[in-house]
Amino acid sequence: MSKPQKSVIGQGVDDALCACRDAWGVIRTRGPSQVQFWFIALLVGIGASLLAIAFRFGIETLQTRLYGTDDVANLHTTIANLDWWWIVTIPVLGGLAVGLLMNRFTEDGRVRSVADVIEGAALYEGRVERRRGLASGAASFITLSTGGSTGREGPVVHLAAILSSYISKLIRADGITGRDLLGCAVAAAVSASFNAPIAGALFALEVVLRHFAVHAFAPIVIASVAGTVINRLVYGDVTEFMLPNQNILAFYVELPAFLILGLLCGLIAVILMRVIFWMEDTGTALQQRTGLPRYLRPALAGLLLGVIAIFYPHIIGVGYETTSDALTGRLLFHEAVVFVIIKIFAVGITMAGRMGGGVFSPSLMVGALTGLAFGIVATAIFPDVSGEGTLYALAGMGAVSAAVLGAPISTTLIVFELTGDWQTGIAVMVSVSLSSALASRLVDRSFFLTQLERRGVHLAAGPQAYLLGTFQVSSVMRSMDHPRAADAETCADLIKEGTYVFEDKTLDQAMPIIEATGSSFIPVVAPAQGDGPPELRGALFQVDALRAFNRALAATAAEEHS
């Protein structure tokens, strides 16, 4: 009786393996169906969550070893008791390690982060650079472990994007599937990092994909929930910040104060972003002027951070201890103001030194300190009609971070999930809305989109501004043997006049040439061989370029509204 039973079991196993192989073959050749995609989204979410947890655990472990603390949540208290030379040495060595790493694995020394993930979603079918991305993740890990004054969400998001890019390549995902997988990975990473499932899902939709299409919502939510489950299995069901008292808002009477706070936080967010960009430009100019080797730039930034940390250890790391002090009202007015100024410059130094890390955690700290300082003044002027001063810290935390990220919806929710305080929603929403509205007028919508704009990637204005850049001239041009090819003699005359475009250029570079000439087409050429003229390959017709552009716009609209 045992042999037939064993045979049946064996046959069942063989059938299951065959079914798995067949399903894998279908996924690779035809792409995943909706139900299959949800399982893939779950797996991607689990993988991205484990990456985020491992990244956080690694940082905490290394900080514990280097700074000798038993609790990284109280890191700056421990650092204040260390010898000054050790406080300086750690970030210098960390910066040197980052410099050598990025010099070896990147051509520009730039650490990849959230902006590159947004660019990958918009222009590269949800793919990001893997080799440079892994090096950037390692650089950010070293930076955050050795005194860098940034956050861990940026590198975690990019590492999750690398994972989704690998899966997309493995299953030969098209653009829509690749972007959805990217959103799943990002949502899971954010959710696992901050125990914030709602904000994780909305961050992926609002910031990375920049649409709220229904087809993307279900898999992204599945991945985000997976991230939260894994976070709670490791760290328990606790919020990042513990608020001792229930905040009470004196409705109607106190709302104008939160309107003013929102405007103030919008200005502070703009100052934070512009200081980062100004310091980055200044650092690049000084490096070029002095001939400083590229690998020493992060080490020099580490030296500056170490010197500041001797007097203000609060700048080291993500700053959750100081943020918690602000949210619980354990700081005085002058302390909050000074810490805002010092933190902004510390973040600028870290970014300008190309050490890596994200801006979300620093913006939380700056916002909480700004809100607390404002709240101390507001409650002192109108003590009879004011609620808790710490409520202003909570609203300020959301307002500054929302303006920096350009994500008012997900940031509002992540503030609630980080603190567990859902009773003060109106105050936070009012401040967030005004800060976001003001800051978006003074920068290119957000810190990330402004970063891309500075690199010549025009995503802030919408698809109509960047879609032409996704087409190479060679993919749209008509070759000379085309049935309706351009006249060869006319092309030759235009080439002699210097009116042509190289085949490796994009349509956004070619269209201004067509419009300037007033012609219906321009020649497409390859670089000249020797001293001869450029080699004619074909012609780019304006009507073909516009047709490709219209198709891309229609496809984008269909994806965003499906």
Protein backbone atom coordinates (compact mmCIF):
# COMPACT_ATOMS: atom_id res chain seq x y z
CA MET A 1 0.00 0.00 0.00
CA SER A 2 2.89 2.36 0.68
CA LYS A 3 4.40 2.17 -2.84
CA PRO A 4 1.29 3.36 -4.73
CA GLN A 5 0.85 6.19 -2.21
CA LYS A 6 4.44 7.25 -2.68
CA SER A 7 3.98 7.10 -6.43
CA VAL A 8 0.92 9.35 -6.26
CA ILE A 9 2.80 11.87 -4.10
CA GLY A 10 5.77 11.78 -6.45
CA GLN A 11 3.51 12.29 -9.43
CA GLY A 12 1.90 15.24 -7.67
CA VAL A 13 5.27 16.83 -7.02
CA ASP A 14 6.25 16.32 -10.66
CA ASP A 15 2.98 17.89 -11.81
CA ALA A 16 3.48 20.88 -9.52
CA LEU A 17 7.03 21.39 -10.80
CA CYS A 18 5.82 21.19 -14.40
CA ALA A 19 3.09 23.71 -13.65
CA CYS A 20 5.64 26.08 -12.11
CA ARG A 21 7.91 25.72 -15.14
CA ASP A 22 5.00 26.35 -17.48
CA ALA A 23 3.90 29.40 -15.51
CA TRP A 24 7.45 30.76 -15.51
CA GLY A 25 7.62 30.24 -19.26
CA VAL A 26 4.37 32.14 -19.74
CA ILE A 27 5.58 34.99 -17.53
CA ARG A 28 8.86 35.28 -19.43
CA THR A 29 7.33 35.11 -22.92
CA ARG A 30 3.96 36.81 -22.51
CA GLY A 31 4.32 38.83 -19.34
CA PRO A 32 2.46 38.23 -16.07
CA SER A 33 -1.32 38.24 -15.88
CA GLN A 34 -3.02 40.32 -13.22
CA VAL A 35 -3.25 37.59 -10.59
CA GLN A 36 0.28 36.41 -11.31
CA PHE A 37 1.47 39.99 -11.07
CA TRP A 38 -0.02 40.35 -7.62
CA PHE A 39 2.05 37.38 -6.43
CA ILE A 40 5.13 38.90 -8.06
CA ALA A 41 4.30 42.21 -6.33
CA LEU A 42 4.11 40.37 -3.01
CA LEU A 43 7.51 38.76 -3.58
CA VAL A 44 9.03 42.07 -4.64
CA GLY A 45 7.51 43.70 -1.57
CA ILE A 46 8.98 41.06 0.72
CA GLY A 47 12.39 41.36 -0.92
CA ALA A 48 12.41 45.17 -0.75
CA SER A 49 11.25 45.05 2.88
CA LEU A 50 14.04 42.71 3.87
CA LEU A 51 16.53 45.02 2.12
CA ALA A 52 15.17 48.02 4.06
CA ILE A 53 15.27 46.18 7.39
CA ALA A 54 18.79 44.88 6.73
CA PHE A 55 19.94 48.38 5.78
CA ARG A 56 18.53 49.85 8.97
CA PHE A 57 19.86 47.05 11.13
CA GLY A 58 23.32 47.36 9.59
CA ILE A 59 23.44 51.10 10.26
CA GLU A 60 22.37 50.65 13.86
CA THR A 61 24.91 47.87 14.40
CA LEU A 62 27.81 49.87 12.97
CA GLN A 63 26.81 53.00 14.89
CA THR A 64 26.72 50.94 18.07
CA ARG A 65 30.26 49.68 17.43
CA LEU A 66 31.73 53.02 16.37
CA TYR A 67 30.11 55.30 18.93
CA GLY A 68 29.78 52.80 21.78
CA THR A 69 26.09 53.41 22.38
CA ASP A 70 23.60 50.90 23.70
CA ASP A 71 20.64 52.68 22.09
CA VAL A 72 21.00 54.46 18.72
CA ALA A 73 17.76 56.30 19.49
CA ASN A 74 19.84 58.31 22.00
CA LEU A 75 22.88 58.66 19.77
CA HIS A 76 23.63 62.34 20.26
CA THR A 77 23.57 61.95 24.05
CA THR A 78 26.28 59.29 23.76
CA ILE A 79 28.35 61.32 21.27
CA ALA A 80 28.36 64.31 23.62
CA ASN A 81 30.43 62.25 26.07
CA LEU A 82 33.06 61.07 23.58
CA ASP A 83 36.54 62.53 23.04
CA TRP A 84 36.57 65.30 20.43
CA TRP A 85 39.19 63.61 18.26
CA TRP A 86 37.05 60.47 17.95
CA ILE A 87 33.98 62.54 17.02
CA VAL A 88 36.01 64.10 14.17
CA THR A 89 37.83 60.97 13.08
CA ILE A 90 34.77 58.77 12.44
CA PRO A 91 33.11 60.97 9.76
CA VAL A 92 36.46 61.70 8.11
CA LEU A 93 37.23 58.00 7.72
CA GLY A 94 33.66 57.36 6.59
CA GLY A 95 33.94 60.13 4.01
CA LEU A 96 37.22 58.77 2.72
CA ALA A 97 35.71 55.30 2.32
CA VAL A 98 32.75 56.81 0.45
CA GLY A 99 35.04 58.80 -1.82
CA LEU A 100 37.16 55.79 -2.75
CA LEU A 101 34.07 53.68 -3.36
CA MET A 102 32.29 56.19 -5.59
CA ASN A 103 35.50 57.04 -7.43
CA ARG A 104 35.88 53.37 -8.29
CA PHE A 105 32.32 52.59 -9.37
CA THR A 106 30.97 55.86 -10.84
CA GLU A 107 32.22 58.30 -13.44
CA ASP A 108 30.89 61.42 -11.71
CA GLY A 109 31.15 60.55 -8.01
CA ARG A 110 27.44 61.27 -7.57
CA VAL A 111 25.42 59.11 -5.17
CA ARG A 112 22.16 57.86 -6.69
CA SER A 113 18.96 58.37 -4.75
CA VAL A 114 15.21 59.05 -5.05
CA ALA A 115 15.55 61.50 -7.96
CA ASP A 116 17.14 58.76 -10.05
CA VAL A 117 14.26 56.41 -9.21
CA ILE A 118 11.76 59.04 -10.38
CA GLU A 119 13.78 59.47 -13.57
CA GLY A 120 13.83 55.70 -14.10
CA ALA A 121 10.06 55.53 -13.73
CA ALA A 122 9.46 58.34 -16.22
CA LEU A 123 12.12 57.69 -18.86
CA TYR A 124 13.48 54.14 -18.58
CA GLU A 125 10.44 51.88 -18.13
CA GLY A 126 10.89 51.62 -14.38
CA ARG A 127 14.57 50.64 -14.52
CA VAL A 128 17.50 52.21 -12.65
CA GLU A 129 21.26 51.79 -12.78
CA ARG A 130 22.27 48.65 -10.92
CA ARG A 131 26.06 48.80 -10.62
CA ARG A 132 26.19 52.49 -9.71
CA GLY A 133 23.09 52.07 -7.58
CA LEU A 134 24.62 49.32 -5.47
CA ALA A 135 27.74 51.43 -4.98
CA SER A 136 25.53 54.36 -3.98
CA GLY A 137 23.69 52.17 -1.47
CA ALA A 138 26.98 51.10 0.08
CA ALA A 139 28.18 54.73 0.18
CA SER A 140 24.99 55.87 1.92
CA PHE A 141 25.27 53.00 4.37
CA ILE A 142 28.79 54.13 5.31
CA THR A 143 27.71 57.78 5.49
CA LEU A 144 24.76 57.16 7.79
CA SER A 145 26.82 54.87 10.02
CA THR A 146 29.74 57.28 10.40
CA GLY A 147 28.17 60.66 11.05
CA GLY A 148 26.48 61.83 7.85
CA SER A 149 23.60 64.22 8.53
CA THR A 150 21.05 62.74 6.12
CA GLY A 151 18.30 60.09 6.15
CA ARG A 152 18.05 56.45 5.20
CA GLU A 153 14.90 56.61 3.04
CA GLY A 154 16.71 57.77 -0.12
CA PRO A 155 19.18 54.89 -0.38
CA VAL A 156 16.55 52.37 0.73
CA VAL A 157 14.22 53.51 -2.05
CA HIS A 158 17.00 53.22 -4.62
CA LEU A 159 18.05 49.78 -3.42
CA ALA A 160 14.44 48.64 -3.69
CA ALA A 161 14.35 50.06 -7.23
CA ILE A 162 17.43 48.01 -8.13
CA LEU A 163 15.63 44.88 -6.99
CA SER A 164 12.54 45.70 -9.05
CA SER A 165 14.73 46.49 -12.08
CA TYR A 166 16.32 43.06 -11.83
CA ILE A 167 12.90 41.38 -11.61
CA SER A 168 11.62 43.45 -14.55
CA LYS A 169 14.55 42.35 -16.66
CA LEU A 170 14.06 38.74 -15.58
CA ILE A 171 10.40 38.61 -16.63
CA ARG A 172 10.92 40.94 -19.61
CA ALA A 173 8.40 43.42 -18.25
CA ASP A 174 7.08 46.17 -20.49
CA GLY A 175 7.04 49.81 -19.43
CA ILE A 176 3.77 49.72 -17.49
CA THR A 177 4.64 46.49 -15.67
CA GLY A 178 8.15 47.72 -14.93
CA ARG A 179 6.85 50.94 -13.44
CA ASP A 180 4.26 49.11 -11.37
CA LEU A 181 6.94 46.77 -10.01
CA LEU A 182 9.06 49.79 -9.20
CA GLY A 183 6.15 51.29 -7.28
CA CYS A 184 5.70 48.03 -5.37
CA ALA A 185 9.35 47.94 -4.34
CA VAL A 186 9.38 51.59 -3.27
CA ALA A 187 6.15 51.25 -1.29
CA ALA A 188 7.44 48.20 0.56
CA ALA A 189 10.78 49.84 1.34
CA VAL A 190 9.20 52.99 2.75
CA SER A 191 6.61 50.98 4.67
CA ALA A 192 9.24 48.68 6.16
CA SER A 193 11.48 51.61 7.08
CA PHE A 194 8.85 53.64 8.91
CA ASN A 195 6.06 51.18 9.80
CA ALA A 196 3.75 53.27 7.62
CA PRO A 197 1.73 51.16 5.16
CA ILE A 198 -0.66 53.86 3.96
CA ALA A 199 2.06 56.46 3.45
CA GLY A 200 4.34 53.89 1.81
CA ALA A 201 1.76 53.10 -0.85
CA LEU A 202 0.86 56.72 -1.47
CA PHE A 203 4.52 57.79 -1.57
CA ALA A 204 5.14 55.35 -4.41
CA LEU A 205 2.12 56.66 -6.32
CA GLU A 206 2.49 60.36 -5.55
CA VAL A 207 6.27 60.83 -5.70
CA VAL A 208 7.74 58.04 -7.83
CA LEU A 209 5.04 57.09 -10.35
CA ARG A 210 3.35 60.50 -10.08
CA HIS A 211 -0.09 59.15 -10.84
CA PHE A 212 -2.88 57.27 -9.03
CA ALA A 213 -3.88 54.76 -11.69
CA VAL A 214 -6.22 52.04 -10.45
CA HIS A 215 -4.24 49.23 -12.09
CA ALA A 216 -1.20 50.10 -9.97
CA PHE A 217 -3.03 50.56 -6.68
CA ALA A 218 -3.73 46.93 -5.70
CA PRO A 219 -0.21 45.49 -6.21
CA ILE A 220 1.40 48.52 -4.57
CA VAL A 221 -0.86 48.18 -1.52
CA ILE A 222 -0.07 44.45 -1.34
CA ALA A 223 3.67 45.20 -1.34
CA SER A 224 3.29 48.03 1.18
CA VAL A 225 1.35 45.83 3.60
CA ALA A 226 4.06 43.17 3.27
CA GLY A 227 6.61 45.79 4.25
CA THR A 228 4.65 46.75 7.34
CA VAL A 229 4.18 43.14 8.43
CA ILE A 230 7.90 42.49 8.19
CA ASN A 231 8.71 45.70 10.07
CA ARG A 232 6.35 44.74 12.90
CA LEU A 233 7.70 41.20 13.06
CA VAL A 234 11.18 42.66 13.63
CA TYR A 235 10.51 45.83 15.65
CA GLY A 236 7.02 45.28 17.04
CA ASP A 237 3.88 47.32 16.52
CA VAL A 238 5.30 50.65 17.70
CA THR A 239 5.51 54.08 16.13
CA GLU A 240 8.80 55.82 15.42
CA PHE A 241 7.97 58.68 17.80
CA MET A 242 6.08 58.40 21.07
CA LEU A 243 3.92 61.40 22.03
CA PRO A 244 3.22 61.56 25.79
CA ASN A 245 0.05 63.64 25.68
CA GLN A 246 -3.02 63.79 23.48
CA ASN A 247 -2.83 66.98 21.43
CA ILE A 248 -5.94 69.12 21.60
CA LEU A 249 -6.73 71.74 18.95
CA ALA A 250 -8.88 74.72 19.83
CA PHE A 251 -10.87 74.58 16.60
CA TYR A 252 -11.53 77.75 14.57
CA VAL A 253 -9.70 80.02 16.99
CA GLU A 254 -6.29 78.39 16.57
CA LEU A 255 -6.43 77.55 12.85
CA PRO A 256 -5.03 80.92 11.66
CA ALA A 257 -1.85 80.16 13.57
CA PHE A 258 -1.43 76.94 11.60
CA LEU A 259 -1.95 78.85 8.36
CA ILE A 260 0.93 81.13 9.30
CA LEU A 261 3.01 78.13 10.38
CA GLY A 262 2.43 76.54 6.97
CA LEU A 263 3.79 79.61 5.18
CA LEU A 264 6.78 79.74 7.52
CA CYS A 265 7.51 76.05 6.98
CA GLY A 266 7.27 76.52 3.21
CA LEU A 267 9.97 79.19 3.41
CA ILE A 268 12.13 77.03 5.67
CA ALA A 269 11.80 74.12 3.23
CA VAL A 270 12.88 76.34 0.34
CA ILE A 271 15.85 77.57 2.37
CA LEU A 272 16.82 73.97 3.14
CA MET A 273 16.68 72.98 -0.54
CA ARG A 274 18.48 76.07 -1.81
CA VAL A 275 21.22 75.75 0.80
CA ILE A 276 21.82 72.18 -0.37
CA PHE A 277 22.02 73.25 -4.03
CA TRP A 278 24.16 76.29 -3.25
CA MET A 279 26.61 74.23 -1.21
CA GLU A 280 26.75 71.58 -3.92
CA ASP A 281 27.61 74.21 -6.55
CA THR A 282 30.13 75.82 -4.21
CA GLY A 283 31.76 72.48 -3.47
CA THR A 284 32.07 71.68 -7.17
CA ALA A 285 33.55 75.11 -7.92
CA LEU A 286 36.08 74.80 -5.09
CA GLN A 287 37.03 71.30 -6.19
CA GLN A 288 37.68 72.49 -9.74
CA ARG A 289 39.57 75.57 -8.58
CA THR A 290 41.82 73.76 -6.10
CA GLY A 291 42.25 70.52 -8.03
CA LEU A 292 41.08 68.50 -5.03
CA PRO A 293 40.90 64.79 -5.96
CA ARG A 294 37.32 63.61 -6.29
CA TYR A 295 37.72 60.88 -3.68
CA LEU A 296 38.75 63.44 -1.02
CA ARG A 297 35.61 65.53 -1.36
CA PRO A 298 33.49 63.35 0.98
CA ALA A 299 36.37 63.18 3.46
CA LEU A 300 36.56 66.98 3.59
CA ALA A 301 32.81 67.11 4.18
CA GLY A 302 33.23 64.54 6.95
CA LEU A 303 35.86 66.75 8.57
CA LEU A 304 33.48 69.72 8.62
CA LEU A 305 30.69 67.57 10.04
CA GLY A 306 32.99 66.21 12.73
CA VAL A 307 34.01 69.70 13.83
CA ILE A 308 30.37 70.82 14.03
CA ALA A 309 29.45 67.65 15.94
CA ILE A 310 31.93 68.47 18.69
CA PHE A 311 29.63 71.32 19.69
CA TYR A 312 26.33 70.05 18.25
CA PRO A 313 26.22 66.23 18.24
CA HIS A 314 22.53 66.50 17.27
CA ILE A 315 23.50 66.67 13.58
CA ILE A 316 24.91 63.14 13.54
CA GLY A 317 22.74 60.54 11.82
CA VAL A 318 19.05 60.79 11.00
CA GLY A 319 18.32 62.91 14.08
CA TYR A 320 15.39 61.01 15.54
CA GLU A 321 16.40 61.80 19.12
CA THR A 322 16.27 65.55 18.48
CA THR A 323 13.04 65.19 16.50
CA SER A 324 11.51 63.27 19.41
CA ASP A 325 12.67 65.99 21.83
CA ALA A 326 10.93 68.59 19.68
CA LEU A 327 7.70 66.60 19.45
CA THR A 328 7.59 66.15 23.22
CA GLY A 329 8.54 69.76 24.03
CA ARG A 330 11.83 69.00 25.75
CA LEU A 331 13.68 71.84 23.99
CA LEU A 332 13.77 75.58 24.65
CA PHE A 333 13.04 78.22 22.02
CA HIS A 334 16.65 79.21 21.40
CA GLU A 335 17.72 75.56 21.21
CA ALA A 336 15.11 74.83 18.54
CA VAL A 337 16.15 77.83 16.45
CA VAL A 338 19.88 77.07 16.67
CA PHE A 339 19.34 73.38 15.85
CA VAL A 340 17.32 74.32 12.74
CA ILE A 341 20.18 76.47 11.44
CA ILE A 342 22.88 73.95 12.28
CA LYS A 343 20.94 71.01 10.83
CA ILE A 344 20.30 72.80 7.53
CA PHE A 345 24.00 73.52 7.09
CA ALA A 346 24.94 69.98 8.16
CA VAL A 347 22.60 68.47 5.57
CA GLY A 348 24.00 70.83 2.95
CA ILE A 349 27.57 69.82 3.81
CA THR A 350 26.72 66.11 3.62
CA MET A 351 25.00 66.48 0.25
CA ALA A 352 27.63 68.85 -1.15
CA GLY A 353 30.31 66.38 -0.11
CA ARG A 354 28.50 63.70 -2.11
CA MET A 355 28.38 61.41 0.89
CA GLY A 356 24.89 60.04 0.21
CA GLY A 357 21.65 59.67 2.12
CA GLY A 358 18.16 61.09 1.85
CA VAL A 359 16.42 64.35 2.78
CA PHE A 360 13.21 63.03 4.34
CA SER A 361 14.50 62.42 7.87
CA PRO A 362 16.38 65.76 7.97
CA SER A 363 13.23 67.55 6.81
CA LEU A 364 11.27 65.87 9.62
CA MET A 365 13.79 67.14 12.16
CA VAL A 366 13.93 70.66 10.71
CA GLY A 367 10.14 70.79 10.52
CA ALA A 368 9.59 69.60 14.08
CA LEU A 369 12.09 72.16 15.42
CA THR A 370 10.55 74.95 13.35
CA GLY A 371 7.07 74.05 14.53
CA LEU A 372 8.16 73.87 18.16
CA ALA A 373 9.82 77.29 18.02
CA PHE A 374 6.72 78.78 16.41
CA GLY A 375 4.46 77.03 18.91
CA ILE A 376 6.40 78.35 21.89
CA VAL A 377 5.87 81.89 20.64
CA ALA A 378 2.23 81.36 19.62
CA THR A 379 1.17 79.78 22.91
CA ALA A 380 3.01 82.47 24.88
CA ILE A 381 1.18 85.27 23.03
CA PHE A 382 -2.27 83.65 23.24
CA PRO A 383 -2.13 81.23 26.17
CA ASP A 384 -5.88 81.19 26.77
CA VAL A 385 -6.86 80.05 23.26
CA SER A 386 -3.89 77.85 22.38
CA GLY A 387 -3.51 74.11 22.58
CA GLU A 388 -0.31 72.21 23.26
CA GLY A 389 2.89 73.74 21.88
CA THR A 390 3.98 70.30 20.72
CA LEU A 391 1.04 70.22 18.29
CA TYR A 392 2.85 72.91 16.31
CA ALA A 393 5.94 70.70 16.21
CA LEU A 394 3.85 67.90 14.75
CA ALA A 395 2.31 70.19 12.12
CA GLY A 396 5.69 71.73 11.31
CA MET A 397 7.23 68.31 10.84
CA GLY A 398 4.64 67.47 8.22
CA ALA A 399 4.73 70.88 6.57
CA VAL A 400 8.47 71.06 5.92
CA SER A 401 8.82 67.46 4.79
CA ALA A 402 5.79 67.75 2.48
CA ALA A 403 7.25 70.83 0.82
CA VAL A 404 10.67 69.20 0.38
CA LEU A 405 9.30 65.95 -1.02
CA GLY A 406 6.51 67.58 -3.02
CA ALA A 407 4.17 65.00 -1.52
CA PRO A 408 1.48 66.61 0.64
CA ILE A 409 -0.82 63.58 0.71
CA SER A 410 1.65 60.86 1.61
CA THR A 411 3.59 63.13 3.98
CA THR A 412 0.46 64.06 5.90
CA LEU A 413 -0.31 60.38 6.35
CA ILE A 414 3.25 59.39 7.25
CA VAL A 415 3.28 62.00 10.03
CA PHE A 416 0.16 60.39 11.46
CA GLU A 417 1.65 56.91 11.17
CA LEU A 418 5.03 57.90 12.62
CA THR A 419 3.41 59.41 15.70
CA GLY A 420 0.13 57.51 16.01
CA ASP A 421 -1.71 60.81 16.63
CA TRP A 422 -4.77 60.93 14.35
CA GLN A 423 -6.68 63.55 16.34
CA THR A 424 -4.86 66.59 15.01
CA GLY A 425 -5.40 66.01 11.31
CA ILE A 426 -6.86 69.42 10.52
CA ALA A 427 -3.87 71.28 11.97
CA VAL A 428 -1.39 69.18 10.03
CA MET A 429 -3.38 69.35 6.79
CA VAL A 430 -3.71 73.12 6.93
CA SER A 431 0.01 73.62 7.48
CA VAL A 432 1.00 71.03 4.88
CA SER A 433 -1.25 72.48 2.19
CA LEU A 434 0.08 76.02 2.51
CA SER A 435 3.74 75.01 2.82
CA SER A 436 3.49 72.79 -0.26
CA ALA A 437 1.70 75.45 -2.28
CA LEU A 438 4.28 78.11 -1.41
CA ALA A 439 7.39 75.95 -1.86
CA SER A 440 6.25 74.53 -5.20
CA ARG A 441 6.18 78.06 -6.60
CA LEU A 442 9.75 78.79 -5.50
CA VAL A 443 11.38 75.53 -6.67
CA ASP A 444 10.56 73.02 -9.39
CA ARG A 445 7.77 71.42 -7.35
CA SER A 446 10.04 69.39 -5.06
CA PHE A 447 13.63 68.71 -4.06
CA PHE A 448 13.83 65.65 -6.30
CA LEU A 449 12.36 67.28 -9.40
CA THR A 450 14.62 70.30 -8.88
CA GLN A 451 17.61 67.95 -8.73
CA LEU A 452 16.55 66.48 -12.07
CA GLU A 453 15.92 69.91 -13.57
CA ARG A 454 19.45 70.95 -12.63
CA ARG A 455 20.71 67.92 -14.56
CA GLY A 456 18.64 68.83 -17.60
CA VAL A 457 15.88 66.27 -17.02
CA HIS A 458 12.61 68.18 -17.34
CA LEU A 459 10.04 66.13 -15.45
CA ALA A 460 8.49 68.88 -13.35
CA ALA A 461 6.43 70.34 -16.23
CA GLY A 462 4.80 67.00 -17.05
CA PRO A 463 4.93 64.43 -19.89
CA GLN A 464 4.61 67.05 -22.61
CA ALA A 465 7.97 68.46 -21.52
CA TYR A 466 10.01 65.27 -21.41
CA LEU A 467 8.46 62.67 -23.72
CA LEU A 468 10.31 63.96 -26.79
CA GLY A 469 13.54 63.17 -24.96
CA THR A 470 12.59 59.48 -24.79
CA PHE A 471 12.86 59.03 -28.57
CA GLN A 472 16.15 58.76 -30.42
CA VAL A 473 16.25 60.37 -33.83
CA SER A 474 17.37 57.06 -35.36
CA SER A 475 14.15 55.37 -34.25
CA VAL A 476 11.89 57.92 -35.97
CA MET A 477 13.85 58.99 -39.05
CA ARG A 478 13.19 57.76 -42.60
CA SER A 479 16.19 56.04 -44.13
CA MET A 480 17.28 56.97 -47.64
CA ASP A 481 15.76 53.77 -49.06
CA HIS A 482 12.35 54.54 -47.51
CA PRO A 483 9.50 54.73 -50.07
CA ARG A 484 8.88 58.35 -49.04
CA ALA A 485 12.48 59.31 -48.28
CA ALA A 486 13.71 62.87 -48.41
CA ASP A 487 15.30 64.22 -51.55
CA ALA A 488 19.03 63.41 -51.49
CA GLU A 489 20.07 66.67 -53.17
CA THR A 490 18.08 68.76 -50.70
CA CYS A 491 19.66 66.84 -47.81
CA ALA A 492 23.13 67.46 -49.26
CA ASP A 493 22.45 71.20 -49.51
CA LEU A 494 21.19 71.34 -45.92
CA ILE A 495 24.27 69.46 -44.70
CA LYS A 496 26.50 72.01 -46.46
CA GLU A 497 24.63 74.77 -44.63
CA GLY A 498 25.23 72.98 -41.34
CA THR A 499 21.56 72.11 -40.87
CA TYR A 500 21.41 68.51 -39.69
CA VAL A 501 21.13 66.33 -36.60
CA PHE A 502 23.16 63.33 -35.49
CA GLU A 503 21.36 60.01 -35.33
CA ASP A 504 22.14 59.46 -31.63
CA LYS A 505 20.38 62.66 -30.56
CA THR A 506 16.83 62.78 -29.19
CA LEU A 507 13.74 64.44 -30.59
CA ASP A 508 13.78 67.22 -28.00
CA GLN A 509 17.18 68.22 -29.43
CA ALA A 510 16.09 67.86 -33.05
CA MET A 511 12.72 69.63 -33.03
CA PRO A 512 14.12 73.14 -32.38
CA ILE A 513 16.35 72.70 -35.46
CA ILE A 514 13.36 71.79 -37.63
CA GLU A 515 11.34 74.74 -36.31
CA ALA A 516 14.24 77.16 -36.84
CA THR A 517 14.70 76.15 -40.48
CA GLY A 518 11.00 76.17 -41.34
CA SER A 519 11.55 72.99 -43.33
CA SER A 520 9.43 69.87 -43.15
CA PHE A 521 12.52 67.73 -42.48
CA ILE A 522 16.22 67.84 -41.64
CA PRO A 523 18.99 65.40 -42.61
CA VAL A 524 20.11 62.79 -40.09
CA VAL A 525 23.83 62.08 -40.20
CA ALA A 526 26.56 60.00 -38.63
CA PRO A 527 29.90 61.52 -37.60
CA ALA A 528 32.30 62.17 -40.46
CA GLN A 529 35.04 59.68 -41.26
CA GLY A 530 38.26 61.66 -41.41
CA ASP A 531 38.03 65.11 -43.01
CA GLY A 532 34.95 64.39 -45.11
CA PRO A 533 31.41 65.65 -44.53
CA PRO A 534 29.01 63.89 -42.15
CA GLU A 535 27.59 60.67 -43.55
CA LEU A 536 23.93 60.96 -44.57
CA ARG A 537 21.77 58.28 -42.94
CA GLY A 538 18.27 59.56 -43.55
CA ALA A 539 15.93 62.43 -42.70
CA LEU A 540 13.75 63.35 -39.75
CA PHE A 541 10.35 64.62 -40.83
CA GLN A 542 8.45 66.93 -38.52
CA VAL A 543 5.22 65.01 -39.09
CA ASP A 544 6.87 61.73 -38.01
CA ALA A 545 8.25 63.31 -34.86
CA LEU A 546 4.86 64.79 -33.97
CA ARG A 547 3.14 61.48 -34.65
CA ALA A 548 5.53 59.65 -32.28
CA PHE A 549 5.05 62.36 -29.67
CA ASN A 550 1.25 62.11 -29.89
CA ARG A 551 1.36 58.34 -29.53
CA ALA A 552 3.55 58.65 -26.44
CA LEU A 553 1.21 61.24 -24.91
CA ALA A 554 -1.78 59.00 -25.56
CA ALA A 555 -0.02 55.98 -24.04
CA THR A 556 0.94 58.00 -20.96
CA ALA A 557 -2.60 59.27 -20.51
CA ALA A 558 -3.98 55.75 -20.94
CA GLU A 559 -1.60 54.38 -18.29
CA GLU A 560 -2.37 57.15 -15.80
CA HIS A 561 -6.13 56.74 -16.16
CA SER A 562 -6.40 52.96 -16.37
